[in-house]
Every structure is written in structure tokens, then in C-alpha cells.
Amino acid sequence: MVHYYVSKVRHVSQKPSLCVNCGKYDLKDDAVLATTGSSEKYADYVPSTLCLSCETLMIITPHPGAVVGINHSIGNQVTIRDN
């Protein structure tokens, strides 16, 4: 089991090749399951990329103001850090 930490959440319009926060390449695709939607009942999963260096979760969505839900994927855990 892997435990991931998220300190920041950023919306991006396309899959990043490097972190939008720190500029590093230490990225993990879909380490965290992210959802967007008007409510939990009407949420859809969207791709995400987590920077393992600075713990920034980049949600890939064309809707920058979308409500985001964060869940752990099977066999993993996720903790949201309060900075």
C-alpha cells in the first residue's frame, strides 16, 4: 500500500509534463482519484497528476471552477495536509 499526501490542489486544462507549482518532473498519474460535478451523486471521475516532490495535485479539467472531490484509489491511502 502506498500513502500519498496532498498539500495543494490546482486545476489544469491538459496533462502536465512537469509540476505547475515547483517545476519538477516527479509526477504520478492517477495516484489519487479526483471527481468533479455539481454534487457527489452527479460526480464524474477526471484524470489527475500528483507531484510527489511538493504534493501538488493537478486536476485535469476544462472547468477551472469545478467542485473537486478527492478519494484514494484501491490499495492506496491519501491524506490532505493543511498548510
PDB file of N, CA and C in Angstrom:
ATOM      1  N   MET A   1       0.844  -1.172   0.000  1.00  0.00           N
ATOM      2  CA  MET A   1       0.000   0.000   0.000  1.00  0.00           C
ATOM      3  C   MET A   1       0.891   1.238   0.000  1.00  0.00           C
ATOM      4  N   VAL A   2       0.466   2.234  -0.736  1.00  0.00           N
ATOM      5  CA  VAL A   2       1.199   3.499  -0.825  1.00  0.00           C
ATOM      6  C   VAL A   2       0.341   4.582  -0.188  1.00  0.00           C
ATOM      7  N   HIS A   3       0.971   5.459   0.583  1.00  0.00           N
ATOM      8  CA  HIS A   3       0.268   6.573   1.209  1.00  0.00           C
ATOM      9  C   HIS A   3       0.710   7.855   0.517  1.00  0.00           C
ATOM     10  N   TYR A   4      -0.231   8.556  -0.100  1.00  0.00           N
ATOM     11  CA  TYR A   4       0.054   9.806  -0.798  1.00  0.00           C
ATOM     12  C   TYR A   4      -0.423  10.985   0.035  1.00  0.00           C
ATOM     13  N   TYR A   5       0.278  12.093  -0.068  1.00  0.00           N
ATOM     14  CA  TYR A   5      -0.087  13.320   0.632  1.00  0.00           C
ATOM     15  C   TYR A   5      -0.374  14.409  -0.386  1.00  0.00           C
ATOM     16  N   VAL A   6      -1.394  15.209  -0.114  1.00  0.00           N
ATOM     17  CA  VAL A   6      -1.762  16.326  -0.979  1.00  0.00           C
ATOM     18  C   VAL A   6      -1.744  17.598  -0.131  1.00  0.00           C
ATOM     19  N   SER A   7      -0.956  18.576  -0.552  1.00  0.00           N
ATOM     20  CA  SER A   7      -0.891  19.856   0.149  1.00  0.00           C
ATOM     21  C   SER A   7      -1.600  20.966  -0.611  1.00  0.00           C
ATOM     22  N   LYS A   8      -1.616  20.856  -1.934  1.00  0.00           N
ATOM     23  CA  LYS A   8      -2.235  21.880  -2.774  1.00  0.00           C
ATOM     24  C   LYS A   8      -3.008  21.200  -3.891  1.00  0.00           C
ATOM     25  N   VAL A   9      -4.053  21.875  -4.353  1.00  0.00           N
ATOM     26  CA  VAL A   9      -4.829  21.381  -5.487  1.00  0.00           C
ATOM     27  C   VAL A   9      -4.869  22.487  -6.532  1.00  0.00           C
ATOM     28  N   ARG A  10      -4.537  22.137  -7.761  1.00  0.00           N
ATOM     29  CA  ARG A  10      -4.558  23.088  -8.868  1.00  0.00           C
ATOM     30  C   ARG A  10      -5.358  22.489 -10.018  1.00  0.00           C
ATOM     31  N   HIS A  11      -6.094  23.322 -10.726  1.00  0.00           N
ATOM     32  CA  HIS A  11      -6.800  22.901 -11.936  1.00  0.00           C
ATOM     33  C   HIS A  11      -5.900  23.181 -13.127  1.00  0.00           C
ATOM     34  N   VAL A  12      -5.777  22.221 -14.025  1.00  0.00           N
ATOM     35  CA  VAL A  12      -5.028  22.406 -15.269  1.00  0.00           C
ATOM     36  C   VAL A  12      -5.912  21.927 -16.424  1.00  0.00           C
ATOM     37  N   SER A  13      -5.699  22.509 -17.598  1.00  0.00           N
ATOM     38  CA  SER A  13      -6.555  22.161 -18.731  1.00  0.00           C
ATOM     39  C   SER A  13      -6.067  20.947 -19.517  1.00  0.00           C
ATOM     40  N   GLN A  14      -4.788  20.596 -19.354  1.00  0.00           N
ATOM     41  CA  GLN A  14      -4.253  19.411 -20.027  1.00  0.00           C
ATOM     42  C   GLN A  14      -3.205  18.751 -19.153  1.00  0.00           C
ATOM     43  N   LYS A  15      -2.888  17.501 -19.479  1.00  0.00           N
ATOM     44  CA  LYS A  15      -1.936  16.731 -18.679  1.00  0.00           C
ATOM     45  C   LYS A  15      -0.589  17.441 -18.631  1.00  0.00           C
ATOM     46  N   PRO A  16      -0.093  17.729 -17.438  1.00  0.00           N
ATOM     47  CA  PRO A  16       1.181  18.437 -17.323  1.00  0.00           C
ATOM     48  C   PRO A  16       2.375  17.515 -17.545  1.00  0.00           C
ATOM     49  N   SER A  17       3.450  18.072 -18.084  1.00  0.00           N
ATOM     50  CA  SER A  17       4.689  17.312 -18.229  1.00  0.00           C
ATOM     51  C   SER A  17       5.630  17.595 -17.063  1.00  0.00           C
ATOM     52  N   LEU A  18       5.354  18.680 -16.341  1.00  0.00           N
ATOM     53  CA  LEU A  18       6.084  18.994 -15.113  1.00  0.00           C
ATOM     54  C   LEU A  18       5.120  19.691 -14.168  1.00  0.00           C
ATOM     55  N   CYS A  19       5.485  19.778 -12.906  1.00  0.00           N
ATOM     56  CA  CYS A  19       4.603  20.333 -11.890  1.00  0.00           C
ATOM     57  C   CYS A  19       4.381  21.826 -12.116  1.00  0.00           C
ATOM     58  N   VAL A  20       3.118  22.258 -12.040  1.00  0.00           N
ATOM     59  CA  VAL A  20       2.793  23.673 -12.217  1.00  0.00           C
ATOM     60  C   VAL A  20       3.174  24.500 -10.996  1.00  0.00           C
ATOM     61  N   ASN A  21       3.471  23.833  -9.887  1.00  0.00           N
ATOM     62  CA  ASN A  21       3.826  24.542  -8.660  1.00  0.00           C
ATOM     63  C   ASN A  21       5.340  24.662  -8.474  1.00  0.00           C
ATOM     64  N   CYS A  22       6.066  23.543  -8.601  1.00  0.00           N
ATOM     65  CA  CYS A  22       7.510  23.566  -8.309  1.00  0.00           C
ATOM     66  C   CYS A  22       8.380  23.358  -9.548  1.00  0.00           C
ATOM     67  N   GLY A  23       7.786  22.943 -10.674  1.00  0.00           N
ATOM     68  CA  GLY A  23       8.547  22.766 -11.902  1.00  0.00           C
ATOM     69  C   GLY A  23       9.315  21.459 -12.006  1.00  0.00           C
ATOM     70  N   LYS A  24       9.112  20.530 -11.076  1.00  0.00           N
ATOM     71  CA  LYS A  24       9.826  19.248 -11.109  1.00  0.00           C
ATOM     72  C   LYS A  24       9.062  18.217 -11.929  1.00  0.00           C
ATOM     73  N   TYR A  25       9.746  17.143 -12.276  1.00  0.00           N
ATOM     74  CA  TYR A  25       9.193  16.075 -13.118  1.00  0.00           C
ATOM     75  C   TYR A  25       8.744  14.848 -12.331  1.00  0.00           C
ATOM     76  N   ASP A  26       8.744  14.911 -11.016  1.00  0.00           N
ATOM     77  CA  ASP A  26       8.436  13.771 -10.155  1.00  0.00           C
ATOM     78  C   ASP A  26       6.920  13.599 -10.047  1.00  0.00           C
ATOM     79  N   LEU A  27       6.292  13.165 -11.154  1.00  0.00           N
ATOM     80  CA  LEU A  27       4.835  13.119 -11.257  1.00  0.00           C
ATOM     81  C   LEU A  27       4.309  11.689 -11.249  1.00  0.00           C
ATOM     82  N   LYS A  28       3.123  11.528 -10.675  1.00  0.00           N
ATOM     83  CA  LYS A  28       2.452  10.230 -10.644  1.00  0.00           C
ATOM     84  C   LYS A  28       1.019  10.433 -11.131  1.00  0.00           C
ATOM     85  N   ASP A  29       0.681   9.806 -12.255  1.00  0.00           N
ATOM     86  CA  ASP A  29      -0.658   9.927 -12.825  1.00  0.00           C
ATOM     87  C   ASP A  29      -1.660   9.084 -12.048  1.00  0.00           C
ATOM     88  N   ASP A  30      -2.815   9.667 -11.786  1.00  0.00           N
ATOM     89  CA  ASP A  30      -3.949   8.992 -11.148  1.00  0.00           C
ATOM     90  C   ASP A  30      -3.603   8.278  -9.845  1.00  0.00           C
ATOM     91  N   ALA A  31      -2.667   8.848  -9.094  1.00  0.00           N
ATOM     92  CA  ALA A  31      -2.351   8.309  -7.767  1.00  0.00           C
ATOM     93  C   ALA A  31      -3.527   8.527  -6.825  1.00  0.00           C
ATOM     94  N   VAL A  32      -4.258   9.610  -7.086  1.00  0.00           N
ATOM     95  CA  VAL A  32      -5.431   9.986  -6.304  1.00  0.00           C
ATOM     96  C   VAL A  32      -6.616  10.062  -7.261  1.00  0.00           C
ATOM     97  N   LEU A  33      -7.744   9.522  -6.859  1.00  0.00           N
ATOM     98  CA  LEU A  33      -8.939   9.601  -7.692  1.00  0.00           C
ATOM     99  C   LEU A  33      -9.622  10.938  -7.432  1.00  0.00           C
ATOM    100  N   ALA A  34      -9.794  11.704  -8.485  1.00  0.00           N
ATOM    101  CA  ALA A  34     -10.440  13.014  -8.379  1.00  0.00           C
ATOM    102  C   ALA A  34     -11.768  12.979  -9.108  1.00  0.00           C
ATOM    103  N   THR A  35     -12.744  13.680  -8.550  1.00  0.00           N
ATOM    104  CA  THR A  35     -14.054  13.785  -9.182  1.00  0.00           C
ATOM    105  C   THR A  35     -14.443  15.250  -9.296  1.00  0.00           C
ATOM    106  N   THR A  36     -15.245  15.561 -10.282  1.00  0.00           N
ATOM    107  CA  THR A  36     -15.849  16.888 -10.393  1.00  0.00           C
ATOM    108  C   THR A  36     -17.321  16.710 -10.691  1.00  0.00           C
ATOM    109  N   GLY A  37     -18.109  17.664 -10.257  1.00  0.00           N
ATOM    110  CA  GLY A  37     -19.537  17.607 -10.528  1.00  0.00           C
ATOM    111  C   GLY A  37     -20.301  18.522  -9.602  1.00  0.00           C
ATOM    112  N   SER A  38     -21.570  18.639  -9.856  1.00  0.00           N
ATOM    113  CA  SER A  38     -22.404  19.535  -9.059  1.00  0.00           C
ATOM    114  C   SER A  38     -22.710  18.979  -7.671  1.00  0.00           C
ATOM    115  N   SER A  39     -22.605  17.669  -7.528  1.00  0.00           N
ATOM    116  CA  SER A  39     -22.823  17.025  -6.228  1.00  0.00           C
ATOM    117  C   SER A  39     -22.139  15.660  -6.255  1.00  0.00           C
ATOM    118  N   GLU A  40     -22.060  15.034  -5.099  1.00  0.00           N
ATOM    119  CA  GLU A  40     -21.443  13.708  -5.037  1.00  0.00           C
ATOM    120  C   GLU A  40     -22.195  12.704  -5.908  1.00  0.00           C
ATOM    121  N   LYS A  41     -23.511  12.834  -5.952  1.00  0.00           N
ATOM    122  CA  LYS A  41     -24.336  11.921  -6.744  1.00  0.00           C
ATOM    123  C   LYS A  41     -24.061  12.066  -8.241  1.00  0.00           C
ATOM    124  N   TYR A  42     -23.764  13.284  -8.694  1.00  0.00           N
ATOM    125  CA  TYR A  42     -23.561  13.550 -10.113  1.00  0.00           C
ATOM    126  C   TYR A  42     -22.097  13.820 -10.445  1.00  0.00           C
ATOM    127  N   ALA A  43     -21.188  13.240  -9.698  1.00  0.00           N
ATOM    128  CA  ALA A  43     -19.759  13.458  -9.921  1.00  0.00           C
ATOM    129  C   ALA A  43     -19.213  12.489 -10.960  1.00  0.00           C
ATOM    130  N   ASP A  44     -18.247  12.957 -11.727  1.00  0.00           N
ATOM    131  CA  ASP A  44     -17.543  12.142 -12.706  1.00  0.00           C
ATOM    132  C   ASP A  44     -16.068  12.118 -12.358  1.00  0.00           C
ATOM    133  N   TYR A  45     -15.441  10.967 -12.569  1.00  0.00           N
ATOM    134  CA  TYR A  45     -14.003  10.880 -12.343  1.00  0.00           C
ATOM    135  C   TYR A  45     -13.264  11.621 -13.443  1.00  0.00           C
ATOM    136  N   VAL A  46     -12.223  12.340 -13.061  1.00  0.00           N
ATOM    137  CA  VAL A  46     -11.382  13.070 -14.004  1.00  0.00           C
ATOM    138  C   VAL A  46      -9.934  12.674 -13.751  1.00  0.00           C
ATOM    139  N   PRO A  47      -9.091  12.721 -14.773  1.00  0.00           N
ATOM    140  CA  PRO A  47      -7.690  12.376 -14.575  1.00  0.00           C
ATOM    141  C   PRO A  47      -6.999  13.401 -13.677  1.00  0.00           C
ATOM    142  N   SER A  48      -5.992  12.939 -12.988  1.00  0.00           N
ATOM    143  CA  SER A  48      -5.221  13.825 -12.122  1.00  0.00           C
ATOM    144  C   SER A  48      -3.762  13.388 -12.136  1.00  0.00           C
ATOM    145  N   THR A  49      -2.904  14.318 -11.770  1.00  0.00           N
ATOM    146  CA  THR A  49      -1.472  14.048 -11.662  1.00  0.00           C
ATOM    147  C   THR A  49      -0.992  14.625 -10.339  1.00  0.00           C
ATOM    148  N   LEU A  50      -0.267  13.830  -9.574  1.00  0.00           N
ATOM    149  CA  LEU A  50       0.251  14.264  -8.284  1.00  0.00           C
ATOM    150  C   LEU A  50       1.753  14.463  -8.379  1.00  0.00           C
ATOM    151  N   CYS A  51       2.228  15.623  -7.931  1.00  0.00           N
ATOM    152  CA  CYS A  51       3.669  15.867  -7.840  1.00  0.00           C
ATOM    153  C   CYS A  51       4.140  15.295  -6.509  1.00  0.00           C
ATOM    154  N   LEU A  52       5.007  14.325  -6.558  1.00  0.00           N
ATOM    155  CA  LEU A  52       5.494  13.689  -5.339  1.00  0.00           C
ATOM    156  C   LEU A  52       6.502  14.568  -4.604  1.00  0.00           C
ATOM    157  N   SER A  53       7.062  15.565  -5.264  1.00  0.00           N
ATOM    158  CA  SER A  53       8.043  16.456  -4.641  1.00  0.00           C
ATOM    159  C   SER A  53       7.383  17.493  -3.731  1.00  0.00           C
ATOM    160  N   CYS A  54       6.347  18.178  -4.236  1.00  0.00           N
ATOM    161  CA  CYS A  54       5.729  19.254  -3.455  1.00  0.00           C
ATOM    162  C   CYS A  54       4.288  18.953  -3.050  1.00  0.00           C
ATOM    163  N   GLU A  55       3.806  17.753  -3.389  1.00  0.00           N
ATOM    164  CA  GLU A  55       2.480  17.291  -3.001  1.00  0.00           C
ATOM    165  C   GLU A  55       1.345  18.130  -3.599  1.00  0.00           C
ATOM    166  N   THR A  56       1.553  18.608  -4.829  1.00  0.00           N
ATOM    167  CA  THR A  56       0.506  19.349  -5.532  1.00  0.00           C
ATOM    168  C   THR A  56      -0.280  18.378  -6.408  1.00  0.00           C
ATOM    169  N   LEU A  57      -1.598  18.363  -6.224  1.00  0.00           N
ATOM    170  CA  LEU A  57      -2.474  17.541  -7.042  1.00  0.00           C
ATOM    171  C   LEU A  57      -3.023  18.405  -8.160  1.00  0.00           C
ATOM    172  N   MET A  58      -2.744  18.010  -9.396  1.00  0.00           N
ATOM    173  CA  MET A  58      -3.217  18.749 -10.560  1.00  0.00           C
ATOM    174  C   MET A  58      -4.406  18.004 -11.154  1.00  0.00           C
ATOM    175  N   ILE A  59      -5.580  18.633 -11.075  1.00  0.00           N
ATOM    176  CA  ILE A  59      -6.816  18.067 -11.588  1.00  0.00           C
ATOM    177  C   ILE A  59      -6.948  18.500 -13.047  1.00  0.00           C
ATOM    178  N   ILE A  60      -7.065  17.539 -13.945  1.00  0.00           N
ATOM    179  CA  ILE A  60      -7.126  17.842 -15.375  1.00  0.00           C
ATOM    180  C   ILE A  60      -8.591  18.005 -15.772  1.00  0.00           C
ATOM    181  N   THR A  61      -8.998  19.268 -15.951  1.00  0.00           N
ATOM    182  CA  THR A  61     -10.391  19.572 -16.296  1.00  0.00           C
ATOM    183  C   THR A  61     -10.458  20.886 -17.062  1.00  0.00           C
ATOM    184  N   PRO A  62     -11.360  20.978 -18.038  1.00  0.00           N
ATOM    185  CA  PRO A  62     -11.522  22.243 -18.759  1.00  0.00           C
ATOM    186  C   PRO A  62     -12.359  23.252 -17.972  1.00  0.00           C
ATOM    187  N   HIS A  63     -12.851  22.879 -16.797  1.00  0.00           N
ATOM    188  CA  HIS A  63     -13.692  23.738 -15.975  1.00  0.00           C
ATOM    189  C   HIS A  63     -12.924  24.162 -14.720  1.00  0.00           C
ATOM    190  N   PRO A  64     -12.212  25.295 -14.752  1.00  0.00           N
ATOM    191  CA  PRO A  64     -11.342  25.690 -13.642  1.00  0.00           C
ATOM    192  C   PRO A  64     -12.071  25.934 -12.321  1.00  0.00           C
ATOM    193  N   GLY A  65     -13.355  26.212 -12.359  1.00  0.00           N
ATOM    194  CA  GLY A  65     -14.094  26.454 -11.128  1.00  0.00           C
ATOM    195  C   GLY A  65     -14.854  25.246 -10.628  1.00  0.00           C
ATOM    196  N   ALA A  66     -14.577  24.084 -11.185  1.00  0.00           N
ATOM    197  CA  ALA A  66     -15.329  22.874 -10.841  1.00  0.00           C
ATOM    198  C   ALA A  66     -15.099  22.472  -9.380  1.00  0.00           C
ATOM    199  N   VAL A  67     -16.153  21.955  -8.772  1.00  0.00           N
ATOM    200  CA  VAL A  67     -16.048  21.404  -7.424  1.00  0.00           C
ATOM    201  C   VAL A  67     -15.303  20.080  -7.529  1.00  0.00           C
ATOM    202  N   VAL A  68     -14.338  19.880  -6.642  1.00  0.00           N
ATOM    203  CA  VAL A  68     -13.469  18.703  -6.730  1.00  0.00           C
ATOM    204  C   VAL A  68     -13.655  17.817  -5.505  1.00  0.00           C
ATOM    205  N   GLY A  69     -13.730  16.504  -5.742  1.00  0.00           N
ATOM    206  CA  GLY A  69     -13.701  15.513  -4.681  1.00  0.00           C
ATOM    207  C   GLY A  69     -12.414  14.719  -4.805  1.00  0.00           C
ATOM    208  N   ILE A  70     -11.824  14.359  -3.674  1.00  0.00           N
ATOM    209  CA  ILE A  70     -10.556  13.614  -3.683  1.00  0.00           C
ATOM    210  C   ILE A  70     -10.759  12.326  -2.906  1.00  0.00           C
ATOM    211  N   ASN A  71     -10.398  11.212  -3.539  1.00  0.00           N
ATOM    212  CA  ASN A  71     -10.552   9.885  -2.937  1.00  0.00           C
ATOM    213  C   ASN A  71      -9.276   9.087  -3.151  1.00  0.00           C
ATOM    214  N   HIS A  72      -9.085   8.073  -2.332  1.00  0.00           N
ATOM    215  CA  HIS A  72      -7.931   7.197  -2.541  1.00  0.00           C
ATOM    216  C   HIS A  72      -8.286   6.133  -3.554  1.00  0.00           C
ATOM    217  N   SER A  73      -7.281   5.675  -4.288  1.00  0.00           N
ATOM    218  CA  SER A  73      -7.504   4.581  -5.226  1.00  0.00           C
ATOM    219  C   SER A  73      -7.324   3.259  -4.483  1.00  0.00           C
ATOM    220  N   ILE A  74      -7.738   2.174  -5.095  1.00  0.00           N
ATOM    221  CA  ILE A  74      -7.711   0.863  -4.449  1.00  0.00           C
ATOM    222  C   ILE A  74      -6.288   0.513  -4.028  1.00  0.00           C
ATOM    223  N   GLY A  75      -6.140   0.139  -2.778  1.00  0.00           N
ATOM    224  CA  GLY A  75      -4.844  -0.259  -2.249  1.00  0.00           C
ATOM    225  C   GLY A  75      -3.965   0.896  -1.811  1.00  0.00           C
ATOM    226  N   ASN A  76      -4.440   2.119  -1.972  1.00  0.00           N
ATOM    227  CA  ASN A  76      -3.668   3.295  -1.588  1.00  0.00           C
ATOM    228  C   ASN A  76      -4.426   4.101  -0.548  1.00  0.00           C
ATOM    229  N   GLN A  77      -3.713   5.038   0.085  1.00  0.00           N
ATOM    230  CA  GLN A  77      -4.328   5.975   1.012  1.00  0.00           C
ATOM    231  C   GLN A  77      -3.934   7.375   0.601  1.00  0.00           C
ATOM    232  N   VAL A  78      -4.771   8.339   0.949  1.00  0.00           N
ATOM    233  CA  VAL A  78      -4.451   9.741   0.664  1.00  0.00           C
ATOM    234  C   VAL A  78      -4.774  10.568   1.900  1.00  0.00           C
ATOM    235  N   THR A  79      -3.881  11.498   2.206  1.00  0.00           N
ATOM    236  CA  THR A  79      -4.070  12.435   3.309  1.00  0.00           C
ATOM    237  C   THR A  79      -3.935  13.842   2.771  1.00  0.00           C
ATOM    238  N   ILE A  80      -4.883  14.698   3.117  1.00  0.00           N
ATOM    239  CA  ILE A  80      -4.838  16.099   2.735  1.00  0.00           C
ATOM    240  C   ILE A  80      -4.157  16.843   3.876  1.00  0.00           C
ATOM    241  N   ARG A  81      -3.036  17.497   3.554  1.00  0.00           N
ATOM    242  CA  ARG A  81      -2.321  18.270   4.579  1.00  0.00           C
ATOM    243  C   ARG A  81      -2.884  19.683   4.615  1.00  0.00           C
ATOM    244  N   ASP A  82      -3.003  20.219   5.805  1.00  0.00           N
ATOM    245  CA  ASP A  82      -3.471  21.581   5.996  1.00  0.00           C
ATOM    246  C   ASP A  82      -2.254  22.462   6.244  1.00  0.00           C
ATOM    247  N   ASN A  83      -1.887  23.243   5.227  1.00  0.00           N
ATOM    248  CA  ASN A  83      -0.714  24.114   5.366  1.00  0.00           C
ATOM    249  C   ASN A  83      -1.118  25.496   5.776  1.00  0.00           C
TER     250      ASN A  83
END
